[in-house]
Amino acid sequence: MQDRKKRIFMVGYSANRGGVETYIDQLIRELPQYEIICSFPEMNIDGKIWRRPPNRHHYIRYRLFWDRFFRENRFDVIYYNTCDIISLDMLRFAKRAGVPVRIIHSHNTGNQQDIGKNRGLFHRMSERINRKNLDCYTTHLLACSEEAGRWMFGRRPFTVIRNGIDIEKFRYRTESRTAIREQYGFGENLLVGVIGRLSAQKNPEYALRILEALFRMEPSARAFFAGDGPLRKDMMESADRAGIGNRVLFTGTVDNVPEWMSAADVLLMPSLFEGFPFTLVEAQTSGLPCVVSSAISQEADLTGLIHFVEPYASAEEWAEKLLKCAKQKRTDYTDKIIAAGYSARHTAEQVREIIDGGGTTRN
């Protein structure tokens, strides 16, 4: 009789498409030997429908649901992907139910609530308590970068899991460049790409100011924002007020990011903080020069294509860097990306060793 697949409960998937969702999707594709069940509002497991409680406000009902959920579904692993440690409830419930491998994976170097110093007392206290309790509820501490690990775990030992990608998918292709530019009327003009969720963390309003400065220096230049988010409407209105709405395209969420990267001449990323952006690995695989905030880890520069600028340097300084970097000749860097260990297959192998090896990241 064939042994059953190990059953993994994967936490972190949301309706807001981003790096964590990309990471989870790739693990599911690359690790078919496991039964990976994602935490969704409604889950069908072995023919039984589980409807997740919407929030923690009714805590007794919330706790009873998760206690029963973990007890009945016999998971071998809980894999908790997160950008903060405001809550460790899932890991606590999983431990109480006897789930033997309990992984937490840090995907960021800061907290959305840190922006504008608007964190409440509850968030600050929760983080402080949960950092102290990490050893109690987890067996493995993972992070997308050294900085993301230090930010979440402090001095505890952790393992860096590289944000690997589908290398072949992101190779530069001339035909894709031509098709996008013809379809949207960019011609041979300088084209700046901003790719990612339109949220405060990504600093998109400042990206618009940088583009304003760029357009003054290079009137024929164009730009696009590929991604959606809570600031999209405000961004479009800001672009119109600044008189650059006809030079900036807001695509919304796209399913052909590699083609847009081939079309661009340079990528702009003025984020206030990041873990280890998939977008930068993808862009470098495409040979696309990147002008990014120095708040992003230096670890992200795998090829020499990443050019760092202080987050609050003048818009003119950012624009000058964009103009300079856009002149770089497009080169194939896929061998460097593979050698650095940033293929999806290599990432999956790292995770497989942890899942099958058991044990702990702590000495």
Protein backbone atom coordinates (compact mmCIF):
# COMPACT_ATOMS: atom_id res chain seq x y z
CA MET A 1 0.00 0.00 0.00
CA GLN A 2 1.40 3.37 -1.05
CA ASP A 3 2.25 5.76 1.77
CA ARG A 4 0.06 8.84 1.85
CA LYS A 5 1.54 12.14 0.80
CA LYS A 6 2.70 14.45 3.54
CA ARG A 7 -0.02 17.00 4.14
CA ILE A 8 1.03 20.66 4.39
CA PHE A 9 -1.21 23.53 5.50
CA MET A 10 0.03 26.62 3.66
CA VAL A 11 -0.89 29.98 5.22
CA GLY A 12 -0.37 33.36 3.56
CA TYR A 13 -2.36 33.25 0.34
CA SER A 14 -4.62 36.26 -0.17
CA ALA A 15 -6.70 37.90 -2.88
CA ASN A 16 -4.05 40.64 -3.17
CA ARG A 17 -1.58 39.16 -5.64
CA GLY A 18 2.01 39.75 -4.55
CA GLY A 19 5.33 38.13 -3.75
CA VAL A 20 4.00 35.75 -1.10
CA GLU A 21 1.34 34.42 -3.47
CA THR A 22 3.96 34.00 -6.21
CA TYR A 23 6.16 32.07 -3.79
CA ILE A 24 3.33 29.74 -2.72
CA ASP A 25 2.23 29.09 -6.31
CA GLN A 26 5.75 28.07 -7.27
CA LEU A 27 6.09 25.71 -4.31
CA ILE A 28 2.82 24.03 -5.26
CA ARG A 29 4.05 23.54 -8.84
CA GLU A 30 7.50 22.33 -7.86
CA LEU A 31 6.51 20.03 -4.97
CA PRO A 32 3.82 17.68 -6.35
CA GLN A 33 4.98 14.95 -3.94
CA TYR A 34 3.15 16.76 -1.12
CA GLU A 35 -0.52 17.48 -0.56
CA ILE A 36 -0.46 21.25 -0.10
CA ILE A 37 -3.68 22.80 1.20
CA CYS A 38 -3.88 26.60 1.21
CA SER A 39 -5.74 28.60 3.84
CA PHE A 40 -8.74 30.04 2.00
CA PRO A 41 -12.07 31.39 3.32
CA GLU A 42 -13.61 28.12 2.13
CA MET A 43 -11.65 24.85 1.95
CA ASN A 44 -12.72 21.45 0.64
CA ILE A 45 -10.63 18.80 2.42
CA ASP A 46 -11.44 15.13 1.87
CA GLY A 47 -14.92 16.13 0.71
CA LYS A 48 -15.69 18.21 3.80
CA ILE A 49 -16.23 21.97 3.48
CA TRP A 50 -14.52 24.17 6.07
CA ARG A 51 -15.57 27.84 6.19
CA ARG A 52 -12.95 29.91 7.92
CA PRO A 53 -14.17 32.40 10.58
CA PRO A 54 -13.84 35.90 9.11
CA ASN A 55 -11.85 37.40 11.99
CA ARG A 56 -10.71 37.05 15.59
CA HIS A 57 -13.34 39.33 17.13
CA HIS A 58 -15.40 36.31 18.23
CA TYR A 59 -12.37 34.64 19.70
CA ILE A 60 -14.03 31.59 21.28
CA ARG A 61 -15.66 30.61 17.98
CA TYR A 62 -12.42 31.36 16.15
CA ARG A 63 -10.37 29.19 18.51
CA LEU A 64 -12.86 26.30 18.47
CA PHE A 65 -12.84 26.28 14.66
CA TRP A 66 -9.07 26.07 14.35
CA ASP A 67 -8.68 23.54 17.16
CA ARG A 68 -11.14 21.25 15.41
CA PHE A 69 -9.66 21.98 11.97
CA PHE A 70 -6.13 20.96 12.92
CA ARG A 71 -7.27 18.02 15.04
CA GLU A 72 -9.39 16.46 12.27
CA ASN A 73 -7.16 17.07 9.25
CA ARG A 74 -3.91 15.53 10.50
CA PHE A 75 -1.39 17.91 8.96
CA ASP A 76 2.28 16.97 8.96
CA VAL A 77 3.41 20.56 8.43
CA ILE A 78 2.07 24.07 8.87
CA TYR A 79 3.91 26.59 6.68
CA TYR A 80 3.12 30.12 7.88
CA ASN A 81 4.13 32.80 5.36
CA THR A 82 3.93 36.28 6.86
CA CYS A 83 5.13 39.87 6.61
CA ASP A 84 4.69 40.54 10.34
CA ILE A 85 4.26 38.73 13.66
CA ILE A 86 1.20 40.53 14.95
CA SER A 87 -0.45 37.11 15.28
CA LEU A 88 0.92 33.60 15.83
CA ASP A 89 -2.52 32.07 16.42
CA MET A 90 -2.26 29.53 13.58
CA LEU A 91 1.05 28.20 14.84
CA ARG A 92 -0.24 28.00 18.39
CA PHE A 93 -3.36 26.07 17.35
CA ALA A 94 -1.25 23.76 15.17
CA LYS A 95 1.11 22.97 18.04
CA ARG A 96 -1.78 22.22 20.36
CA ALA A 97 -3.13 19.76 17.76
CA GLY A 98 0.23 18.01 17.52
CA VAL A 99 1.40 19.22 14.09
CA PRO A 100 5.09 18.20 14.26
CA VAL A 101 6.69 20.64 11.78
CA ARG A 102 5.74 24.30 12.29
CA ILE A 103 7.43 26.73 9.91
CA ILE A 104 7.29 30.53 9.94
CA HIS A 105 8.70 32.35 6.90
CA SER A 106 9.47 36.09 7.02
CA HIS A 107 8.81 37.85 3.71
CA ASN A 108 9.53 41.45 4.72
CA THR A 109 11.90 43.82 6.49
CA GLY A 110 9.25 46.18 7.85
CA ASN A 111 5.62 46.53 8.73
CA GLN A 112 2.90 48.34 6.77
CA GLN A 113 1.80 49.87 10.09
CA ASP A 114 5.26 51.42 10.50
CA ILE A 115 4.52 53.87 7.68
CA GLY A 116 3.60 57.19 9.23
CA LYS A 117 4.26 55.73 12.72
CA ASN A 118 0.59 54.80 12.94
CA ARG A 119 0.97 51.52 14.78
CA GLY A 120 -1.37 51.18 17.73
CA LEU A 121 -0.54 49.90 21.19
CA PHE A 122 -2.13 46.52 20.37
CA HIS A 123 0.19 45.95 17.40
CA ARG A 124 3.29 46.95 19.33
CA MET A 125 2.44 44.74 22.28
CA SER A 126 1.48 41.80 20.05
CA GLU A 127 4.79 41.95 18.20
CA ARG A 128 6.77 42.14 21.44
CA ILE A 129 4.96 39.17 22.99
CA ASN A 130 5.07 37.06 19.83
CA ARG A 131 8.80 37.59 19.33
CA LYS A 132 9.32 36.18 22.82
CA ASN A 133 7.07 33.20 22.05
CA LEU A 134 8.53 32.22 18.67
CA ASP A 135 10.56 29.38 20.16
CA CYS A 136 7.48 27.94 21.81
CA TYR A 137 5.28 27.71 18.72
CA THR A 138 7.70 27.09 15.83
CA THR A 139 10.23 24.45 14.81
CA HIS A 140 11.74 26.26 11.80
CA LEU A 141 12.47 29.94 11.15
CA LEU A 142 12.83 30.88 7.48
CA ALA A 143 13.33 34.22 5.72
CA CYS A 144 13.56 35.52 2.17
CA SER A 145 16.77 37.41 3.01
CA GLU A 146 19.23 37.99 5.83
CA GLU A 147 17.62 41.35 6.60
CA ALA A 148 14.11 39.88 6.66
CA GLY A 149 15.30 37.22 9.08
CA ARG A 150 17.05 39.64 11.42
CA TRP A 151 14.05 41.98 11.40
CA MET A 152 11.59 39.27 12.44
CA PHE A 153 13.72 36.82 14.44
CA GLY A 154 16.46 38.97 15.93
CA ARG A 155 19.48 36.90 16.96
CA ARG A 156 17.80 33.53 16.61
CA PRO A 157 19.27 31.23 13.94
CA PHE A 158 17.19 31.06 10.76
CA THR A 159 17.48 29.72 7.22
CA VAL A 160 17.37 31.96 4.14
CA ILE A 161 15.14 30.53 1.40
CA ARG A 162 15.88 32.17 -1.94
CA ASN A 163 13.02 33.66 -3.95
CA GLY A 164 13.56 31.45 -6.98
CA ILE A 165 11.68 32.00 -10.24
CA ASP A 166 10.87 30.25 -13.51
CA ILE A 167 14.06 31.27 -15.31
CA GLU A 168 12.98 30.44 -18.86
CA LYS A 169 9.75 32.40 -18.50
CA PHE A 170 11.58 35.68 -17.79
CA ARG A 171 14.24 35.59 -20.50
CA TYR A 172 14.35 38.78 -22.58
CA ARG A 173 12.50 38.41 -25.89
CA THR A 174 12.70 40.97 -28.68
CA GLU A 175 9.34 39.89 -30.10
CA SER A 176 7.62 40.59 -26.77
CA ARG A 177 9.24 44.02 -26.60
CA THR A 178 8.05 44.88 -30.09
CA ALA A 179 4.51 43.59 -29.51
CA ILE A 180 3.91 45.54 -26.29
CA ARG A 181 5.40 48.74 -27.66
CA GLU A 182 3.31 48.56 -30.82
CA GLN A 183 0.10 47.67 -28.97
CA TYR A 184 0.34 50.62 -26.56
CA GLY A 185 1.97 53.17 -28.84
CA PHE A 186 5.26 53.48 -26.95
CA GLY A 187 7.31 53.32 -30.16
CA GLU A 188 11.04 53.54 -29.52
CA ASN A 189 10.67 56.06 -26.68
CA LEU A 190 12.39 55.54 -23.35
CA LEU A 191 10.04 53.36 -21.28
CA VAL A 192 10.14 53.11 -17.47
CA GLY A 193 8.39 50.22 -15.74
CA VAL A 194 6.98 50.24 -12.20
CA ILE A 195 5.82 46.72 -11.34
CA GLY A 196 4.11 45.78 -8.09
CA ARG A 197 1.22 46.41 -5.78
CA LEU A 198 0.12 50.05 -5.50
CA SER A 199 0.34 50.34 -1.72
CA ALA A 200 2.11 52.72 0.66
CA GLN A 201 5.04 50.33 1.17
CA LYS A 202 5.92 50.61 -2.53
CA ASN A 203 6.02 54.44 -2.35
CA PRO A 204 4.17 54.89 -5.67
CA GLU A 205 3.30 58.55 -5.12
CA TYR A 206 7.00 59.33 -5.01
CA ALA A 207 7.47 57.24 -8.14
CA LEU A 208 5.12 59.70 -9.87
CA ARG A 209 7.22 62.65 -8.71
CA ILE A 210 10.32 60.93 -10.07
CA LEU A 211 8.57 60.41 -13.40
CA GLU A 212 7.55 64.09 -13.50
CA ALA A 213 11.23 65.00 -13.16
CA LEU A 214 12.18 62.45 -15.81
CA PHE A 215 9.64 63.81 -18.30
CA ARG A 216 11.08 67.30 -17.87
CA MET A 217 14.52 65.92 -18.78
CA GLU A 218 13.27 63.56 -21.50
CA PRO A 219 9.90 64.80 -22.84
CA SER A 220 9.41 61.79 -25.12
CA ALA A 221 9.77 59.24 -22.29
CA ARG A 222 6.84 57.10 -21.21
CA ALA A 223 6.07 54.91 -18.17
CA PHE A 224 3.71 52.19 -17.00
CA PHE A 225 2.50 50.93 -13.62
CA ALA A 226 1.77 47.19 -13.80
CA GLY A 227 -0.16 46.20 -10.70
CA ASP A 228 -3.21 47.02 -8.64
CA GLY A 229 -3.82 48.10 -5.08
CA PRO A 230 -5.57 50.55 -2.76
CA LEU A 231 -3.73 53.59 -4.15
CA ARG A 232 -4.46 53.00 -7.84
CA LYS A 233 -7.35 55.47 -8.14
CA ASP A 234 -5.44 58.17 -6.23
CA MET A 235 -2.39 57.56 -8.41
CA MET A 236 -4.33 58.00 -11.63
CA GLU A 237 -5.87 61.23 -10.33
CA SER A 238 -2.44 62.49 -9.22
CA ALA A 239 -0.98 61.77 -12.65
CA ASP A 240 -3.79 63.74 -14.31
CA ARG A 241 -3.38 66.68 -11.92
CA ALA A 242 0.36 66.74 -12.62
CA GLY A 243 -0.34 66.83 -16.36
CA ILE A 244 1.41 63.52 -17.06
CA GLY A 245 -1.64 61.26 -17.31
CA ASN A 246 -1.15 60.89 -21.06
CA ARG A 247 2.42 59.65 -20.55
CA VAL A 248 1.75 57.10 -17.80
CA LEU A 249 -0.20 53.90 -18.37
CA PHE A 250 -1.88 52.12 -15.44
CA THR A 251 -2.37 48.55 -16.61
CA GLY A 252 -3.86 47.06 -13.45
CA THR A 253 -2.94 43.46 -12.70
CA VAL A 254 -1.36 41.73 -15.70
CA ASP A 255 -0.68 38.05 -16.34
CA ASN A 256 2.17 38.69 -18.80
CA VAL A 257 4.77 40.42 -16.61
CA PRO A 258 7.71 38.90 -18.58
CA GLU A 259 6.49 40.63 -21.76
CA TRP A 260 6.25 43.98 -19.97
CA MET A 261 9.77 43.54 -18.62
CA SER A 262 11.04 42.87 -22.14
CA ALA A 263 9.29 46.06 -23.30
CA ALA A 264 10.79 48.31 -20.61
CA ASP A 265 14.20 50.02 -20.70
CA VAL A 266 14.57 50.40 -16.94
CA LEU A 267 12.67 49.38 -13.79
CA LEU A 268 11.86 51.86 -11.00
CA MET A 269 11.32 50.67 -7.39
CA PRO A 270 11.43 53.41 -4.69
CA SER A 271 9.99 51.16 -1.92
CA LEU A 272 10.17 52.18 1.73
CA PHE A 273 10.99 48.59 2.71
CA GLU A 274 11.01 45.14 1.09
CA GLY A 275 11.94 41.59 1.95
CA PHE A 276 13.57 40.28 -1.21
CA PRO A 277 11.38 41.30 -4.17
CA PHE A 278 10.62 38.61 -6.74
CA THR A 279 10.31 41.47 -9.21
CA LEU A 280 14.03 42.23 -8.96
CA VAL A 281 15.02 38.61 -9.58
CA GLU A 282 12.66 38.52 -12.57
CA ALA A 283 13.94 41.83 -13.93
CA GLN A 284 17.58 40.76 -13.69
CA THR A 285 16.76 37.50 -15.46
CA SER A 286 15.30 39.64 -18.24
CA GLY A 287 18.47 41.76 -18.32
CA LEU A 288 16.50 44.84 -17.24
CA PRO A 289 18.45 47.56 -15.36
CA CYS A 290 16.78 48.50 -12.06
CA VAL A 291 16.90 51.76 -10.10
CA VAL A 292 15.78 50.93 -6.57
CA SER A 293 15.60 52.29 -3.06
CA SER A 294 18.59 51.63 -0.82
CA ALA A 295 16.02 50.47 1.75
CA ILE A 296 16.07 47.23 -0.26
CA SER A 297 18.73 44.73 0.74
CA GLN A 298 22.01 44.77 -1.18
CA GLU A 299 21.50 40.99 -1.38
CA ALA A 300 19.05 41.67 -4.23
CA ASP A 301 21.86 42.66 -6.62
CA LEU A 302 22.73 39.34 -8.24
CA THR A 303 24.07 40.70 -11.54
CA GLY A 304 25.25 44.30 -11.17
CA LEU A 305 21.99 45.49 -12.78
CA ILE A 306 20.65 46.92 -9.51
CA HIS A 307 21.43 50.59 -8.89
CA PHE A 308 20.61 51.90 -5.41
CA VAL A 309 19.37 55.42 -4.56
CA GLU A 310 18.46 56.80 -1.13
CA PRO A 311 14.65 56.61 -0.70
CA TYR A 312 14.28 60.35 -0.14
CA ALA A 313 16.91 61.57 -2.56
CA SER A 314 15.53 64.31 -4.81
CA ALA A 315 13.24 63.28 -7.65
CA GLU A 316 15.79 64.80 -10.02
CA GLU A 317 18.54 62.53 -8.68
CA TRP A 318 16.33 59.50 -9.22
CA ALA A 319 15.43 60.66 -12.73
CA GLU A 320 19.07 61.18 -13.69
CA LYS A 321 19.87 57.65 -12.53
CA LEU A 322 16.98 56.29 -14.61
CA LEU A 323 18.27 58.06 -17.72
CA LYS A 324 21.78 56.74 -17.18
CA CYS A 325 20.75 53.14 -16.49
CA ALA A 326 18.29 52.99 -19.38
CA LYS A 327 21.28 53.23 -21.74
CA GLN A 328 22.74 49.92 -20.54
CA LYS A 329 22.92 47.27 -23.24
CA ARG A 330 20.51 44.38 -22.72
CA THR A 331 22.49 41.24 -21.78
CA ASP A 332 21.50 37.68 -20.88
CA TYR A 333 22.12 37.10 -17.16
CA THR A 334 20.25 33.82 -16.76
CA ASP A 335 23.41 31.83 -16.04
CA LYS A 336 24.24 34.18 -13.15
CA ILE A 337 20.73 33.87 -11.73
CA ILE A 338 20.89 30.07 -11.87
CA ALA A 339 24.41 29.98 -10.38
CA ALA A 340 23.22 32.18 -7.49
CA GLY A 341 20.52 29.60 -6.69
CA TYR A 342 17.47 31.64 -7.73
CA SER A 343 15.64 29.08 -9.84
CA ALA A 344 12.24 27.87 -8.62
CA ARG A 345 13.56 24.32 -8.64
CA HIS A 346 16.45 25.19 -6.31
CA THR A 347 14.08 26.98 -3.91
CA ALA A 348 11.74 23.99 -3.85
CA GLU A 349 14.67 21.69 -3.07
CA GLN A 350 15.61 23.87 -0.10
CA VAL A 351 12.06 23.60 1.24
CA ARG A 352 11.86 19.85 0.56
CA GLU A 353 14.99 19.23 2.64
CA ILE A 354 13.42 21.11 5.56
CA ILE A 355 10.08 19.31 5.33
CA ASP A 356 11.58 15.83 4.97
CA GLY A 357 14.44 16.46 7.35
CA GLY A 358 12.24 17.48 10.26
CA GLY A 359 14.32 18.72 13.17
CA THR A 360 14.61 22.44 13.76
CA THR A 361 16.56 25.48 12.59
CA ARG A 362 17.59 26.12 16.17
CA ASN A 363 20.63 24.57 17.77
